[in-house]
Amino acid sequence: MPKSVFKITYSDAKSLMNAAVESAKRHKVPGAIAIVDNGGNLILLECLDNTMSGASKIAIGKASTSVAFMRPSIDIEKVILGGRTPMLVLEGATSNGYVPLKGGYPIWYQDELIGGIAVAGTMDAEMDEVVVLEALENKGW
């Protein structure tokens, strides 16, 4: 019998996006929020008012990076900051740009990777993390 494969649904992604937008608005920050599937393919992208123009691509890249490496993008950033600079040149490891910066998280369901979410452009890397983590917590992911 074939194994069931879980995928993030549009409805789940939209609900998670709404939670992230609510968090950003509550903190009064701009930002781009990207949600990708388990292959790093874009499902949803929201770009809030007053967000810098490059934030959308950065958010997509962070989400894709978290999926490709099956861990938060901050973990990759820490490895690089710890001295493993060859990790800077892994562009081909992701489907939508390699962005090893904090603010991207994989989305798991029953121990299976189903997608990723990231925020960029809040103008504070710590706030990118806050918005993502609040959205994930709000939805119980």
C-alpha atoms as a PDB file:
ATOM      1  CA  MET A   1       0.000   0.000   0.000  1.00  0.00           C
ATOM      2  CA  PRO A   2       1.413   3.429  -0.928  1.00  0.00           C
ATOM      3  CA  LYS A   3       2.340   5.843   1.809  1.00  0.00           C
ATOM      4  CA  SER A   4       0.120   8.878   2.296  1.00  0.00           C
ATOM      5  CA  VAL A   5       1.927  12.117   1.521  1.00  0.00           C
ATOM      6  CA  PHE A   6       0.796  15.252   3.271  1.00  0.00           C
ATOM      7  CA  LYS A   7       0.855  18.613   1.506  1.00  0.00           C
ATOM      8  CA  ILE A   8       0.017  22.051   2.755  1.00  0.00           C
ATOM      9  CA  THR A   9      -3.353  23.081   1.381  1.00  0.00           C
ATOM     10  CA  TYR A  10      -4.227  26.509   0.057  1.00  0.00           C
ATOM     11  CA  SER A  11      -6.705  26.860   2.925  1.00  0.00           C
ATOM     12  CA  ASP A  12      -4.009  26.056   5.519  1.00  0.00           C
ATOM     13  CA  ALA A  13      -1.568  28.424   3.822  1.00  0.00           C
ATOM     14  CA  LYS A  14      -4.143  31.223   3.712  1.00  0.00           C
ATOM     15  CA  SER A  15      -4.964  30.760   7.389  1.00  0.00           C
ATOM     16  CA  LEU A  16      -1.262  30.842   8.300  1.00  0.00           C
ATOM     17  CA  MET A  17      -0.759  33.910   6.091  1.00  0.00           C
ATOM     18  CA  ASN A  18      -3.602  35.702   7.862  1.00  0.00           C
ATOM     19  CA  ALA A  19      -1.975  34.972  11.223  1.00  0.00           C
ATOM     20  CA  ALA A  20       1.360  36.355   9.990  1.00  0.00           C
ATOM     21  CA  VAL A  21      -0.260  39.507   8.582  1.00  0.00           C
ATOM     22  CA  GLU A  22      -2.106  40.018  11.882  1.00  0.00           C
ATOM     23  CA  SER A  23       1.176  39.671  13.787  1.00  0.00           C
ATOM     24  CA  ALA A  24       2.958  42.187  11.548  1.00  0.00           C
ATOM     25  CA  LYS A  25       0.104  44.662  11.901  1.00  0.00           C
ATOM     26  CA  ARG A  26       0.009  44.186  15.683  1.00  0.00           C
ATOM     27  CA  HIS A  27       3.740  45.009  15.820  1.00  0.00           C
ATOM     28  CA  LYS A  28       3.272  47.865  13.326  1.00  0.00           C
ATOM     29  CA  VAL A  29       5.960  46.586  10.947  1.00  0.00           C
ATOM     30  CA  PRO A  30       6.078  46.272   7.169  1.00  0.00           C
ATOM     31  CA  GLY A  31       7.187  43.038   5.564  1.00  0.00           C
ATOM     32  CA  ALA A  32       6.817  40.431   2.898  1.00  0.00           C
ATOM     33  CA  ILE A  33       5.481  37.021   3.914  1.00  0.00           C
ATOM     34  CA  ALA A  34       6.025  33.957   1.748  1.00  0.00           C
ATOM     35  CA  ILE A  35       4.615  30.448   2.083  1.00  0.00           C
ATOM     36  CA  VAL A  36       6.050  27.645  -0.049  1.00  0.00           C
ATOM     37  CA  ASP A  37       5.202  23.959  -0.460  1.00  0.00           C
ATOM     38  CA  ASN A  38       7.538  21.087   0.446  1.00  0.00           C
ATOM     39  CA  GLY A  39       9.396  21.569  -2.842  1.00  0.00           C
ATOM     40  CA  GLY A  40      10.018  25.248  -2.170  1.00  0.00           C
ATOM     41  CA  ASN A  41       7.414  26.355  -4.728  1.00  0.00           C
ATOM     42  CA  LEU A  42       5.569  29.550  -3.898  1.00  0.00           C
ATOM     43  CA  ILE A  43       1.963  29.143  -2.725  1.00  0.00           C
ATOM     44  CA  LEU A  44       1.255  32.587  -1.257  1.00  0.00           C
ATOM     45  CA  LEU A  45       3.029  35.929  -1.038  1.00  0.00           C
ATOM     46  CA  GLU A  46       1.820  39.050   0.750  1.00  0.00           C
ATOM     47  CA  CYS A  47       3.714  42.315   0.680  1.00  0.00           C
ATOM     48  CA  LEU A  48       2.497  44.806   3.274  1.00  0.00           C
ATOM     49  CA  ASP A  49       2.488  48.573   2.765  1.00  0.00           C
ATOM     50  CA  ASN A  50       5.850  50.343   3.096  1.00  0.00           C
ATOM     51  CA  THR A  51       7.870  47.156   2.570  1.00  0.00           C
ATOM     52  CA  MET A  52      11.232  47.499   0.804  1.00  0.00           C
ATOM     53  CA  SER A  53      11.180  46.282  -2.789  1.00  0.00           C
ATOM     54  CA  GLY A  54      13.612  43.388  -2.303  1.00  0.00           C
ATOM     55  CA  ALA A  55      11.731  41.837   0.619  1.00  0.00           C
ATOM     56  CA  SER A  56       9.491  39.582  -1.485  1.00  0.00           C
ATOM     57  CA  LYS A  57      12.373  37.703  -3.101  1.00  0.00           C
ATOM     58  CA  ILE A  58      14.188  37.513   0.229  1.00  0.00           C
ATOM     59  CA  ALA A  59      11.113  36.031   1.960  1.00  0.00           C
ATOM     60  CA  ILE A  60      10.635  33.461  -0.812  1.00  0.00           C
ATOM     61  CA  GLY A  61      14.321  32.548  -0.557  1.00  0.00           C
ATOM     62  CA  LYS A  62      14.214  32.200   3.233  1.00  0.00           C
ATOM     63  CA  ALA A  63      11.140  29.953   3.045  1.00  0.00           C
ATOM     64  CA  SER A  64      12.742  27.861   0.289  1.00  0.00           C
ATOM     65  CA  THR A  65      15.990  27.603   2.264  1.00  0.00           C
ATOM     66  CA  SER A  66      14.150  26.381   5.373  1.00  0.00           C
ATOM     67  CA  VAL A  67      12.463  23.687   3.275  1.00  0.00           C
ATOM     68  CA  ALA A  68      15.625  22.606   1.430  1.00  0.00           C
ATOM     69  CA  PHE A  69      17.572  22.201   4.672  1.00  0.00           C
ATOM     70  CA  MET A  70      14.579  21.029   6.751  1.00  0.00           C
ATOM     71  CA  ARG A  71      15.351  23.496   9.528  1.00  0.00           C
ATOM     72  CA  PRO A  72      14.876  27.155  10.387  1.00  0.00           C
ATOM     73  CA  SER A  73      16.965  29.455   8.223  1.00  0.00           C
ATOM     74  CA  ILE A  74      18.479  30.941  11.391  1.00  0.00           C
ATOM     75  CA  ASP A  75      20.262  27.601  11.890  1.00  0.00           C
ATOM     76  CA  ILE A  76      22.032  28.033   8.547  1.00  0.00           C
ATOM     77  CA  GLU A  77      22.873  31.647   9.395  1.00  0.00           C
ATOM     78  CA  LYS A  78      24.427  30.511  12.702  1.00  0.00           C
ATOM     79  CA  VAL A  79      26.579  27.906  10.924  1.00  0.00           C
ATOM     80  CA  ILE A  80      27.906  30.605   8.588  1.00  0.00           C
ATOM     81  CA  LEU A  81      28.489  33.080  11.421  1.00  0.00           C
ATOM     82  CA  GLY A  82      30.296  30.287  13.258  1.00  0.00           C
ATOM     83  CA  GLY A  83      32.905  30.219  10.504  1.00  0.00           C
ATOM     84  CA  ARG A  84      31.646  27.717   7.947  1.00  0.00           C
ATOM     85  CA  THR A  85      31.772  30.236   5.109  1.00  0.00           C
ATOM     86  CA  PRO A  86      31.538  27.643   2.292  1.00  0.00           C
ATOM     87  CA  MET A  87      27.817  27.504   3.243  1.00  0.00           C
ATOM     88  CA  LEU A  88      27.530  30.922   1.576  1.00  0.00           C
ATOM     89  CA  VAL A  89      27.759  29.438  -1.925  1.00  0.00           C
ATOM     90  CA  LEU A  90      24.969  26.853  -1.952  1.00  0.00           C
ATOM     91  CA  GLU A  91      22.685  28.705  -4.379  1.00  0.00           C
ATOM     92  CA  GLY A  92      21.779  25.513  -6.264  1.00  0.00           C
ATOM     93  CA  ALA A  93      20.486  23.822  -3.103  1.00  0.00           C
ATOM     94  CA  THR A  94      17.159  25.645  -3.203  1.00  0.00           C
ATOM     95  CA  SER A  95      14.463  26.114  -5.808  1.00  0.00           C
ATOM     96  CA  ASN A  96      13.853  29.824  -5.190  1.00  0.00           C
ATOM     97  CA  GLY A  97      17.097  31.447  -4.162  1.00  0.00           C
ATOM     98  CA  TYR A  98      19.288  30.553  -1.230  1.00  0.00           C
ATOM     99  CA  VAL A  99      18.834  33.028   1.619  1.00  0.00           C
ATOM    100  CA  PRO A 100      20.506  31.803   4.826  1.00  0.00           C
ATOM    101  CA  LEU A 101      19.104  34.528   7.073  1.00  0.00           C
ATOM    102  CA  LYS A 102      16.806  34.287  10.080  1.00  0.00           C
ATOM    103  CA  GLY A 103      13.084  34.520   9.476  1.00  0.00           C
ATOM    104  CA  GLY A 104      12.310  31.285   7.609  1.00  0.00           C
ATOM    105  CA  TYR A 105      10.787  28.128   9.117  1.00  0.00           C
ATOM    106  CA  PRO A 106       9.769  24.743   7.784  1.00  0.00           C
ATOM    107  CA  ILE A 107       6.179  23.663   8.364  1.00  0.00           C
ATOM    108  CA  TRP A 108       5.739  20.134   9.705  1.00  0.00           C
ATOM    109  CA  TYR A 109       2.620  17.991   9.943  1.00  0.00           C
ATOM    110  CA  GLN A 110       2.776  14.579  11.642  1.00  0.00           C
ATOM    111  CA  ASP A 111       6.571  14.577  11.331  1.00  0.00           C
ATOM    112  CA  GLU A 112       6.389  15.264   7.594  1.00  0.00           C
ATOM    113  CA  LEU A 113       7.689  18.421   5.939  1.00  0.00           C
ATOM    114  CA  ILE A 114       4.779  20.064   4.128  1.00  0.00           C
ATOM    115  CA  GLY A 115       6.083  23.565   3.428  1.00  0.00           C
ATOM    116  CA  GLY A 116       7.833  26.650   4.711  1.00  0.00           C
ATOM    117  CA  ILE A 117       7.047  30.203   5.775  1.00  0.00           C
ATOM    118  CA  ALA A 118       9.259  33.269   5.970  1.00  0.00           C
ATOM    119  CA  VAL A 119       9.121  36.965   6.655  1.00  0.00           C
ATOM    120  CA  ALA A 120      11.522  39.608   5.351  1.00  0.00           C
ATOM    121  CA  GLY A 121      11.578  43.374   5.305  1.00  0.00           C
ATOM    122  CA  THR A 122      10.351  44.237   8.784  1.00  0.00           C
ATOM    123  CA  MET A 123      13.584  46.249   8.982  1.00  0.00           C
ATOM    124  CA  ASP A 124      14.645  44.234  12.045  1.00  0.00           C
ATOM    125  CA  ALA A 125      15.822  40.635  11.700  1.00  0.00           C
ATOM    126  CA  GLU A 126      14.532  39.824  15.178  1.00  0.00           C
ATOM    127  CA  MET A 127      11.067  41.027  14.177  1.00  0.00           C
ATOM    128  CA  ASP A 128      11.150  38.766  11.094  1.00  0.00           C
ATOM    129  CA  GLU A 129      11.518  35.892  13.570  1.00  0.00           C
ATOM    130  CA  VAL A 130       8.784  37.192  15.878  1.00  0.00           C
ATOM    131  CA  VAL A 131       6.194  37.484  13.109  1.00  0.00           C
ATOM    132  CA  VAL A 132       6.911  33.989  11.752  1.00  0.00           C
ATOM    133  CA  LEU A 133       6.937  32.332  15.165  1.00  0.00           C
ATOM    134  CA  GLU A 134       3.745  34.072  16.294  1.00  0.00           C
ATOM    135  CA  ALA A 135       1.960  32.959  13.119  1.00  0.00           C
ATOM    136  CA  LEU A 136       3.108  29.358  13.538  1.00  0.00           C
ATOM    137  CA  GLU A 137       2.167  29.349  17.222  1.00  0.00           C
ATOM    138  CA  ASN A 138      -1.222  30.928  16.496  1.00  0.00           C
ATOM    139  CA  LYS A 139      -2.029  28.118  14.075  1.00  0.00           C
ATOM    140  CA  GLY A 140      -0.588  25.388  16.297  1.00  0.00           C
ATOM    141  CA  TRP A 141       2.171  24.390  13.855  1.00  0.00           C
END
